[in-house]
Amino acid sequence: MILAQMQQAQLLMLAGFVMLGWVLARRQIALRKRVTQDSRAANRELKAIQKRKDPVAPLSDAPVETQRWQVAMFDLQRELTAELDTRIAVVQTLLRQVDERIETLANVQPDASVANPTAEDEHHTVLQLRISALSHAGLTAQQISEKLQLPIGDVELMLSSSPAAS
């Protein structure tokens, strides 16, 4: 009797192992099947992407209004780039001129110019006084420039550097 019960227990345990193996095998088969299906779908998508020919120009398949807008933006970009390049060249030229003038001023002896004021220095002082007086009278830099027949930049420079402006 005990021998029969032991054989029955062993048989049940063996049946349990067989069922566990069967469940694990079915699970593994289902997983492989799903992976195979996913890889086939991915391969199909990759082939479709590789076959698709993208247009050479961006937005070439866009509506006409969008293409016009794109062309206008490219034109504006080209114009702005050219304008910036021009302004950069002007600034570089002005900086070069300023450097040359600084070098020239560095070579001038400071004592000689203070001891003997030249006619140009006196004219500059008189001109600065006239500009300052006209500014105090209420005239704008543009009006002073027209009245004294001087460049507006010179008038603005003298107004900004005059002691009354501080």
N, C-alpha and C. Protein backbone atom coordinates (compact mmCIF):
# COMPACT_ATOMS: atom_id res chain seq x y z
N MET A 1 0.81 -1.17 0.00
CA MET A 1 0.00 0.00 0.00
C MET A 1 0.88 1.26 0.00
N ILE A 2 1.84 1.31 0.84
CA ILE A 2 2.74 2.45 0.89
C ILE A 2 3.50 2.53 -0.43
N LEU A 3 3.84 1.40 -0.96
CA LEU A 3 4.55 1.38 -2.23
C LEU A 3 3.66 1.93 -3.34
N ALA A 4 2.39 1.61 -3.30
CA ALA A 4 1.45 2.12 -4.30
C ALA A 4 1.28 3.62 -4.17
N GLN A 5 1.22 4.12 -2.94
CA GLN A 5 1.07 5.56 -2.72
C GLN A 5 2.33 6.30 -3.19
N MET A 6 3.49 5.71 -2.99
CA MET A 6 4.73 6.34 -3.43
C MET A 6 4.79 6.37 -4.94
N GLN A 7 4.37 5.29 -5.56
CA GLN A 7 4.37 5.27 -7.02
C GLN A 7 3.38 6.30 -7.58
N GLN A 8 2.23 6.42 -6.90
CA GLN A 8 1.23 7.40 -7.32
C GLN A 8 1.78 8.81 -7.17
N ALA A 9 2.48 9.12 -6.11
CA ALA A 9 3.06 10.45 -5.88
C ALA A 9 4.13 10.74 -6.93
N GLN A 10 4.91 9.71 -7.23
CA GLN A 10 5.95 9.90 -8.25
C GLN A 10 5.32 10.14 -9.62
N LEU A 11 4.26 9.43 -9.90
CA LEU A 11 3.56 9.63 -11.16
C LEU A 11 2.96 11.05 -11.25
N LEU A 12 2.37 11.50 -10.18
CA LEU A 12 1.80 12.86 -10.15
C LEU A 12 2.91 13.92 -10.33
N MET A 13 4.04 13.69 -9.67
CA MET A 13 5.15 14.63 -9.82
C MET A 13 5.68 14.61 -11.25
N LEU A 14 5.78 13.46 -11.82
CA LEU A 14 6.21 13.35 -13.21
C LEU A 14 5.21 14.04 -14.14
N ALA A 15 3.93 13.87 -13.87
CA ALA A 15 2.90 14.53 -14.67
C ALA A 15 3.02 16.06 -14.53
N GLY A 16 3.32 16.53 -13.34
CA GLY A 16 3.50 17.97 -13.11
C GLY A 16 4.68 18.51 -13.90
N PHE A 17 5.78 17.76 -13.90
CA PHE A 17 6.96 18.19 -14.67
C PHE A 17 6.66 18.22 -16.17
N VAL A 18 5.92 17.21 -16.64
CA VAL A 18 5.56 17.16 -18.05
C VAL A 18 4.69 18.36 -18.41
N MET A 19 3.70 18.69 -17.56
CA MET A 19 2.82 19.84 -17.81
C MET A 19 3.62 21.15 -17.77
N LEU A 20 4.54 21.28 -16.84
CA LEU A 20 5.37 22.48 -16.75
C LEU A 20 6.22 22.63 -18.00
N GLY A 21 6.81 21.53 -18.45
CA GLY A 21 7.60 21.56 -19.68
C GLY A 21 6.76 21.92 -20.88
N TRP A 22 5.54 21.37 -20.94
CA TRP A 22 4.64 21.67 -22.05
C TRP A 22 4.26 23.15 -22.06
N VAL A 23 3.93 23.75 -20.92
CA VAL A 23 3.56 25.17 -20.81
C VAL A 23 4.75 26.05 -21.22
N LEU A 24 5.94 25.72 -20.74
CA LEU A 24 7.12 26.52 -21.09
C LEU A 24 7.44 26.41 -22.57
N ALA A 25 7.28 25.23 -23.15
CA ALA A 25 7.54 25.05 -24.57
C ALA A 25 6.54 25.86 -25.41
N ARG A 26 5.24 25.80 -25.06
CA ARG A 26 4.22 26.57 -25.77
C ARG A 26 4.51 28.07 -25.68
N ARG A 27 4.92 28.49 -24.51
CA ARG A 27 5.23 29.92 -24.31
C ARG A 27 6.41 30.33 -25.18
N GLN A 28 7.43 29.51 -25.24
CA GLN A 28 8.61 29.80 -26.05
C GLN A 28 8.25 29.84 -27.53
N ILE A 29 7.39 28.92 -27.98
CA ILE A 29 6.96 28.88 -29.38
C ILE A 29 6.17 30.15 -29.71
N ALA A 30 5.27 30.58 -28.84
CA ALA A 30 4.47 31.79 -29.07
C ALA A 30 5.38 33.02 -29.13
N LEU A 31 6.38 33.08 -28.25
CA LEU A 31 7.30 34.22 -28.24
C LEU A 31 8.10 34.28 -29.54
N ARG A 32 8.60 33.14 -30.01
CA ARG A 32 9.34 33.11 -31.27
C ARG A 32 8.45 33.54 -32.44
N LYS A 33 7.20 33.08 -32.41
CA LYS A 33 6.27 33.43 -33.47
C LYS A 33 6.05 34.95 -33.50
N ARG A 34 5.87 35.55 -32.33
CA ARG A 34 5.66 37.01 -32.24
C ARG A 34 6.90 37.77 -32.71
N VAL A 35 8.09 37.34 -32.31
CA VAL A 35 9.33 37.98 -32.73
C VAL A 35 9.50 37.87 -34.24
N THR A 36 9.18 36.73 -34.79
CA THR A 36 9.28 36.54 -36.24
C THR A 36 8.33 37.48 -36.98
N GLN A 37 7.11 37.58 -36.50
CA GLN A 37 6.14 38.47 -37.13
C GLN A 37 6.60 39.93 -37.05
N ASP A 38 7.10 40.33 -35.88
CA ASP A 38 7.58 41.71 -35.71
C ASP A 38 8.77 42.00 -36.63
N SER A 39 9.70 41.06 -36.73
CA SER A 39 10.86 41.29 -37.59
C SER A 39 10.45 41.35 -39.06
N ARG A 40 9.49 40.52 -39.47
CA ARG A 40 9.00 40.59 -40.85
C ARG A 40 8.35 41.94 -41.13
N ALA A 41 7.54 42.42 -40.18
CA ALA A 41 6.90 43.73 -40.36
C ALA A 41 7.95 44.84 -40.42
N ALA A 42 8.97 44.76 -39.58
CA ALA A 42 10.04 45.78 -39.60
C ALA A 42 10.80 45.73 -40.90
N ASN A 43 11.08 44.53 -41.40
CA ASN A 43 11.77 44.40 -42.69
C ASN A 43 10.94 44.98 -43.83
N ARG A 44 9.63 44.74 -43.81
CA ARG A 44 8.76 45.32 -44.84
C ARG A 44 8.81 46.85 -44.80
N GLU A 45 8.76 47.40 -43.60
CA GLU A 45 8.82 48.87 -43.45
C GLU A 45 10.17 49.41 -43.93
N LEU A 46 11.25 48.73 -43.60
CA LEU A 46 12.58 49.17 -44.05
C LEU A 46 12.67 49.15 -45.57
N LYS A 47 12.14 48.10 -46.20
CA LYS A 47 12.16 48.03 -47.66
C LYS A 47 11.32 49.16 -48.27
N ALA A 48 10.17 49.44 -47.65
CA ALA A 48 9.33 50.52 -48.16
C ALA A 48 10.04 51.86 -48.03
N ILE A 49 10.75 52.08 -46.93
CA ILE A 49 11.49 53.34 -46.74
C ILE A 49 12.63 53.43 -47.75
N GLN A 50 13.31 52.32 -48.00
CA GLN A 50 14.43 52.33 -48.95
C GLN A 50 13.95 52.55 -50.37
N LYS A 51 12.77 52.05 -50.71
CA LYS A 51 12.23 52.24 -52.06
C LYS A 51 11.72 53.65 -52.28
N ARG A 52 11.29 54.31 -51.21
CA ARG A 52 10.72 55.65 -51.34
C ARG A 52 11.82 56.63 -51.73
N LYS A 53 11.54 57.42 -52.72
CA LYS A 53 12.49 58.45 -53.19
C LYS A 53 12.05 59.79 -52.64
N ASP A 54 12.87 60.37 -51.80
CA ASP A 54 12.58 61.70 -51.28
C ASP A 54 12.90 62.74 -52.33
N PRO A 55 12.14 63.84 -52.36
CA PRO A 55 12.42 64.90 -53.34
C PRO A 55 13.78 65.52 -53.08
N VAL A 56 14.39 66.04 -54.15
CA VAL A 56 15.71 66.65 -54.05
C VAL A 56 15.66 67.93 -53.22
N ALA A 57 14.70 68.78 -53.53
CA ALA A 57 14.55 70.05 -52.79
C ALA A 57 13.54 69.86 -51.67
N PRO A 58 13.80 70.48 -50.52
CA PRO A 58 12.83 70.37 -49.44
C PRO A 58 11.52 71.04 -49.83
N LEU A 59 10.44 70.47 -49.42
CA LEU A 59 9.08 70.98 -49.68
C LEU A 59 8.73 71.04 -51.16
N SER A 60 9.37 70.24 -52.02
CA SER A 60 9.06 70.30 -53.44
C SER A 60 7.69 69.68 -53.73
N ASP A 61 7.20 68.88 -52.82
CA ASP A 61 5.87 68.32 -53.00
C ASP A 61 4.81 69.08 -52.21
N ALA A 62 5.18 70.24 -51.68
CA ALA A 62 4.26 71.07 -50.90
C ALA A 62 3.34 71.86 -51.84
N PRO A 63 2.27 72.44 -51.28
CA PRO A 63 1.39 73.27 -52.11
C PRO A 63 2.14 74.47 -52.68
N VAL A 64 1.58 75.04 -53.75
CA VAL A 64 2.23 76.14 -54.47
C VAL A 64 2.46 77.35 -53.54
N GLU A 65 1.50 77.65 -52.68
CA GLU A 65 1.65 78.80 -51.78
C GLU A 65 2.85 78.62 -50.85
N THR A 66 3.02 77.40 -50.38
CA THR A 66 4.15 77.11 -49.49
C THR A 66 5.47 77.23 -50.25
N GLN A 67 5.49 76.77 -51.49
CA GLN A 67 6.71 76.87 -52.29
C GLN A 67 7.05 78.34 -52.56
N ARG A 68 6.04 79.15 -52.84
CA ARG A 68 6.29 80.59 -53.05
C ARG A 68 6.86 81.22 -51.78
N TRP A 69 6.29 80.85 -50.65
CA TRP A 69 6.77 81.37 -49.37
C TRP A 69 8.22 80.96 -49.16
N GLN A 70 8.54 79.71 -49.50
CA GLN A 70 9.90 79.21 -49.32
C GLN A 70 10.88 79.98 -50.22
N VAL A 71 10.50 80.22 -51.46
CA VAL A 71 11.37 80.97 -52.38
C VAL A 71 11.58 82.39 -51.85
N ALA A 72 10.51 83.00 -51.36
CA ALA A 72 10.63 84.36 -50.81
C ALA A 72 11.56 84.38 -49.61
N MET A 73 11.49 83.36 -48.78
CA MET A 73 12.35 83.30 -47.60
C MET A 73 13.82 83.11 -48.00
N PHE A 74 14.07 82.27 -49.03
CA PHE A 74 15.44 82.09 -49.51
C PHE A 74 15.99 83.39 -50.08
N ASP A 75 15.15 84.13 -50.82
CA ASP A 75 15.59 85.43 -51.37
C ASP A 75 15.91 86.40 -50.25
N LEU A 76 15.04 86.47 -49.25
CA LEU A 76 15.27 87.36 -48.12
C LEU A 76 16.56 86.98 -47.39
N GLN A 77 16.78 85.70 -47.22
CA GLN A 77 18.00 85.23 -46.56
C GLN A 77 19.24 85.68 -47.34
N ARG A 78 19.21 85.52 -48.66
CA ARG A 78 20.34 85.91 -49.49
C ARG A 78 20.58 87.42 -49.41
N GLU A 79 19.49 88.22 -49.45
CA GLU A 79 19.63 89.68 -49.37
C GLU A 79 20.21 90.10 -48.01
N LEU A 80 19.68 89.51 -46.94
CA LEU A 80 20.16 89.88 -45.60
C LEU A 80 21.62 89.48 -45.40
N THR A 81 21.98 88.34 -45.93
CA THR A 81 23.38 87.90 -45.83
C THR A 81 24.30 88.87 -46.56
N ALA A 82 23.88 89.28 -47.76
CA ALA A 82 24.69 90.23 -48.53
C ALA A 82 24.80 91.57 -47.79
N GLU A 83 23.69 92.02 -47.22
CA GLU A 83 23.71 93.30 -46.49
C GLU A 83 24.62 93.21 -45.26
N LEU A 84 24.53 92.09 -44.55
CA LEU A 84 25.41 91.92 -43.39
C LEU A 84 26.88 91.87 -43.79
N ASP A 85 27.17 91.18 -44.89
CA ASP A 85 28.56 91.12 -45.36
C ASP A 85 29.07 92.52 -45.71
N THR A 86 28.22 93.32 -46.33
CA THR A 86 28.61 94.69 -46.68
C THR A 86 28.87 95.50 -45.43
N ARG A 87 27.98 95.40 -44.46
CA ARG A 87 28.16 96.17 -43.22
C ARG A 87 29.40 95.72 -42.45
N ILE A 88 29.68 94.45 -42.48
CA ILE A 88 30.89 93.95 -41.82
C ILE A 88 32.13 94.53 -42.49
N ALA A 89 32.12 94.59 -43.82
CA ALA A 89 33.26 95.16 -44.55
C ALA A 89 33.44 96.63 -44.20
N VAL A 90 32.32 97.37 -44.09
CA VAL A 90 32.39 98.79 -43.73
C VAL A 90 32.96 98.96 -42.33
N VAL A 91 32.48 98.16 -41.40
CA VAL A 91 32.97 98.25 -40.02
C VAL A 91 34.46 97.91 -39.95
N GLN A 92 34.88 96.92 -40.69
CA GLN A 92 36.30 96.56 -40.70
C GLN A 92 37.15 97.70 -41.27
N THR A 93 36.66 98.36 -42.31
CA THR A 93 37.38 99.50 -42.89
C THR A 93 37.46 100.64 -41.88
N LEU A 94 36.35 100.93 -41.22
CA LEU A 94 36.36 102.00 -40.22
C LEU A 94 37.29 101.67 -39.06
N LEU A 95 37.31 100.43 -38.64
CA LEU A 95 38.22 100.05 -37.56
C LEU A 95 39.68 100.20 -37.98
N ARG A 96 39.96 99.85 -39.22
CA ARG A 96 41.31 100.02 -39.73
C ARG A 96 41.70 101.51 -39.70
N GLN A 97 40.78 102.38 -40.14
CA GLN A 97 41.06 103.82 -40.14
C GLN A 97 41.26 104.34 -38.72
N VAL A 98 40.43 103.86 -37.79
CA VAL A 98 40.58 104.28 -36.39
C VAL A 98 41.93 103.83 -35.85
N ASP A 99 42.33 102.62 -36.15
CA ASP A 99 43.64 102.13 -35.71
C ASP A 99 44.77 103.00 -36.26
N GLU A 100 44.65 103.38 -37.54
CA GLU A 100 45.67 104.25 -38.14
C GLU A 100 45.73 105.60 -37.45
N ARG A 101 44.56 106.16 -37.14
CA ARG A 101 44.53 107.47 -36.47
C ARG A 101 45.06 107.37 -35.04
N ILE A 102 44.77 106.28 -34.38
CA ILE A 102 45.30 106.10 -33.02
C ILE A 102 46.82 106.00 -33.08
N GLU A 103 47.32 105.28 -34.06
CA GLU A 103 48.78 105.16 -34.22
C GLU A 103 49.40 106.52 -34.52
N THR A 104 48.74 107.32 -35.36
CA THR A 104 49.25 108.65 -35.68
C THR A 104 49.25 109.53 -34.43
N LEU A 105 48.18 109.48 -33.65
CA LEU A 105 48.10 110.28 -32.43
C LEU A 105 49.12 109.82 -31.40
N ALA A 106 49.41 108.55 -31.38
CA ALA A 106 50.41 108.05 -30.43
C ALA A 106 51.80 108.55 -30.78
N ASN A 107 52.04 108.79 -32.09
CA ASN A 107 53.35 109.27 -32.52
C ASN A 107 53.53 110.77 -32.33
N VAL A 108 52.43 111.50 -32.16
CA VAL A 108 52.51 112.95 -31.97
C VAL A 108 52.95 113.23 -30.53
N GLN A 109 53.83 114.24 -30.37
CA GLN A 109 54.27 114.59 -29.03
C GLN A 109 53.18 115.41 -28.36
N PRO A 110 52.71 115.00 -27.19
CA PRO A 110 51.61 115.71 -26.54
C PRO A 110 51.97 117.13 -26.10
N ASP A 111 53.21 117.40 -25.71
CA ASP A 111 53.58 118.72 -25.22
C ASP A 111 53.56 119.75 -26.34
N ALA A 112 53.93 119.39 -27.54
CA ALA A 112 54.00 120.34 -28.65
C ALA A 112 52.62 120.86 -29.01
N SER A 113 51.61 120.03 -28.98
CA SER A 113 50.27 120.48 -29.38
C SER A 113 49.65 121.36 -28.30
N VAL A 114 49.99 121.17 -27.04
CA VAL A 114 49.42 121.99 -25.97
C VAL A 114 50.11 123.35 -25.92
N ALA A 115 51.39 123.38 -26.16
CA ALA A 115 52.14 124.63 -26.05
C ALA A 115 51.78 125.61 -27.16
N ASN A 116 51.58 125.14 -28.38
CA ASN A 116 51.28 126.00 -29.51
C ASN A 116 49.94 125.59 -30.14
N PRO A 117 48.85 126.12 -29.64
CA PRO A 117 47.57 125.78 -30.24
C PRO A 117 47.52 126.30 -31.68
N THR A 118 47.12 125.46 -32.56
CA THR A 118 47.08 125.83 -33.97
C THR A 118 45.75 126.50 -34.29
N ALA A 119 45.69 127.05 -35.48
CA ALA A 119 44.45 127.70 -35.92
C ALA A 119 43.32 126.68 -36.01
N GLU A 120 43.67 125.45 -36.35
CA GLU A 120 42.64 124.41 -36.44
C GLU A 120 42.04 124.13 -35.07
N ASP A 121 42.89 124.10 -34.02
CA ASP A 121 42.39 123.88 -32.67
C ASP A 121 41.48 125.02 -32.24
N GLU A 122 41.85 126.24 -32.57
CA GLU A 122 41.01 127.39 -32.22
C GLU A 122 39.69 127.33 -32.97
N HIS A 123 39.75 126.98 -34.25
CA HIS A 123 38.53 126.85 -35.04
C HIS A 123 37.63 125.76 -34.44
N HIS A 124 38.23 124.65 -34.02
CA HIS A 124 37.48 123.56 -33.41
C HIS A 124 36.80 124.03 -32.12
N THR A 125 37.51 124.78 -31.30
CA THR A 125 36.96 125.27 -30.04
C THR A 125 35.80 126.23 -30.32
N VAL A 126 35.99 127.15 -31.27
CA VAL A 126 34.94 128.11 -31.61
C VAL A 126 33.72 127.35 -32.13
N LEU A 127 33.97 126.38 -32.98
CA LEU A 127 32.88 125.60 -33.57
C LEU A 127 32.12 124.84 -32.48
N GLN A 128 32.85 124.30 -31.53
CA GLN A 128 32.20 123.56 -30.46
C GLN A 128 31.36 124.51 -29.60
N LEU A 129 31.87 125.72 -29.36
CA LEU A 129 31.09 126.70 -28.60
C LEU A 129 29.82 127.09 -29.34
N ARG A 130 29.91 127.28 -30.66
CA ARG A 130 28.73 127.64 -31.45
C ARG A 130 27.70 126.50 -31.42
N ILE A 131 28.17 125.27 -31.56
CA ILE A 131 27.26 124.13 -31.54
C ILE A 131 26.59 124.02 -30.17
N SER A 132 27.35 124.20 -29.11
CA SER A 132 26.81 124.14 -27.76
C SER A 132 25.76 125.23 -27.55
N ALA A 133 26.05 126.45 -28.04
CA ALA A 133 25.10 127.56 -27.88
C ALA A 133 23.81 127.28 -28.65
N LEU A 134 23.93 126.76 -29.87
CA LEU A 134 22.74 126.45 -30.66
C LEU A 134 21.93 125.31 -30.01
N SER A 135 22.62 124.38 -29.40
CA SER A 135 21.94 123.29 -28.72
C SER A 135 21.17 123.81 -27.52
N HIS A 136 21.79 124.74 -26.76
CA HIS A 136 21.11 125.34 -25.61
C HIS A 136 19.94 126.19 -26.06
N ALA A 137 19.99 126.69 -27.29
CA ALA A 137 18.89 127.49 -27.81
C ALA A 137 17.71 126.60 -28.22
N GLY A 138 17.90 125.29 -28.21
CA GLY A 138 16.80 124.38 -28.48
C GLY A 138 16.84 123.72 -29.85
N LEU A 139 17.87 123.95 -30.62
CA LEU A 139 17.95 123.35 -31.94
C LEU A 139 18.39 121.89 -31.81
N THR A 140 17.89 121.05 -32.72
CA THR A 140 18.29 119.65 -32.74
C THR A 140 19.63 119.52 -33.48
N ALA A 141 20.22 118.36 -33.38
CA ALA A 141 21.49 118.11 -34.06
C ALA A 141 21.33 118.26 -35.57
N GLN A 142 20.20 117.83 -36.11
CA GLN A 142 19.95 117.95 -37.54
C GLN A 142 19.87 119.42 -37.94
N GLN A 143 19.18 120.23 -37.15
CA GLN A 143 19.04 121.66 -37.46
C GLN A 143 20.40 122.37 -37.37
N ILE A 144 21.18 122.00 -36.35
CA ILE A 144 22.51 122.61 -36.20
C ILE A 144 23.38 122.22 -37.39
N SER A 145 23.30 120.96 -37.80
CA SER A 145 24.08 120.49 -38.93
C SER A 145 23.75 121.28 -40.19
N GLU A 146 22.46 121.51 -40.42
CA GLU A 146 22.05 122.27 -41.61
C GLU A 146 22.49 123.73 -41.51
N LYS A 147 22.36 124.31 -40.33
CA LYS A 147 22.69 125.73 -40.15
C LYS A 147 24.19 125.98 -40.33
N LEU A 148 25.02 125.10 -39.77
CA LEU A 148 26.47 125.30 -39.84
C LEU A 148 27.10 124.58 -41.04
N GLN A 149 26.30 123.87 -41.80
CA GLN A 149 26.75 123.12 -42.96
C GLN A 149 27.89 122.13 -42.59
N LEU A 150 27.58 121.35 -41.56
CA LEU A 150 28.51 120.33 -41.07
C LEU A 150 27.83 118.96 -41.14
N PRO A 151 28.61 117.92 -41.23
CA PRO A 151 28.01 116.58 -41.19
C PRO A 151 27.33 116.34 -39.84
N ILE A 152 26.19 115.66 -39.88
CA ILE A 152 25.43 115.41 -38.65
C ILE A 152 26.25 114.61 -37.64
N GLY A 153 27.10 113.72 -38.13
CA GLY A 153 27.93 112.92 -37.23
C GLY A 153 28.89 113.79 -36.43
N ASP A 154 29.49 114.81 -37.10
CA ASP A 154 30.40 115.71 -36.39
C ASP A 154 29.66 116.51 -35.32
N VAL A 155 28.45 116.97 -35.66
CA VAL A 155 27.66 117.75 -34.70
C VAL A 155 27.31 116.88 -33.50
N GLU A 156 26.86 115.66 -33.76
CA GLU A 156 26.50 114.77 -32.64
C GLU A 156 27.71 114.42 -31.79
N LEU A 157 28.87 114.26 -32.43
CA LEU A 157 30.09 113.97 -31.69
C LEU A 157 30.47 115.14 -30.78
N MET A 158 30.39 116.35 -31.33
CA MET A 158 30.74 117.52 -30.51
C MET A 158 29.73 117.74 -29.40
N LEU A 159 28.46 117.46 -29.67
CA LEU A 159 27.46 117.62 -28.61
C LEU A 159 27.69 116.61 -27.49
N SER A 160 28.06 115.39 -27.87
CA SER A 160 28.26 114.36 -26.84
C SER A 160 29.54 114.57 -26.08
N SER A 161 30.53 115.23 -26.68
CA SER A 161 31.80 115.42 -25.99
C SER A 161 31.92 116.78 -25.32
N SER A 162 30.93 117.65 -25.49
CA SER A 162 31.02 118.97 -24.86
C SER A 162 30.79 118.84 -23.37
N PRO A 163 31.43 119.69 -22.56
CA PRO A 163 31.29 119.59 -21.11
C PRO A 163 29.87 119.85 -20.65
N ALA A 164 29.09 120.62 -21.39
CA ALA A 164 27.73 120.93 -21.01
C ALA A 164 26.82 119.73 -21.17
N ALA A 165 27.22 118.77 -22.06
CA ALA A 165 26.41 117.60 -22.30
C ALA A 165 26.47 116.63 -21.13
N SER A 166 27.51 116.71 -20.31
CA SER A 166 27.69 115.75 -19.21
C SER A 166 26.72 115.99 -18.11
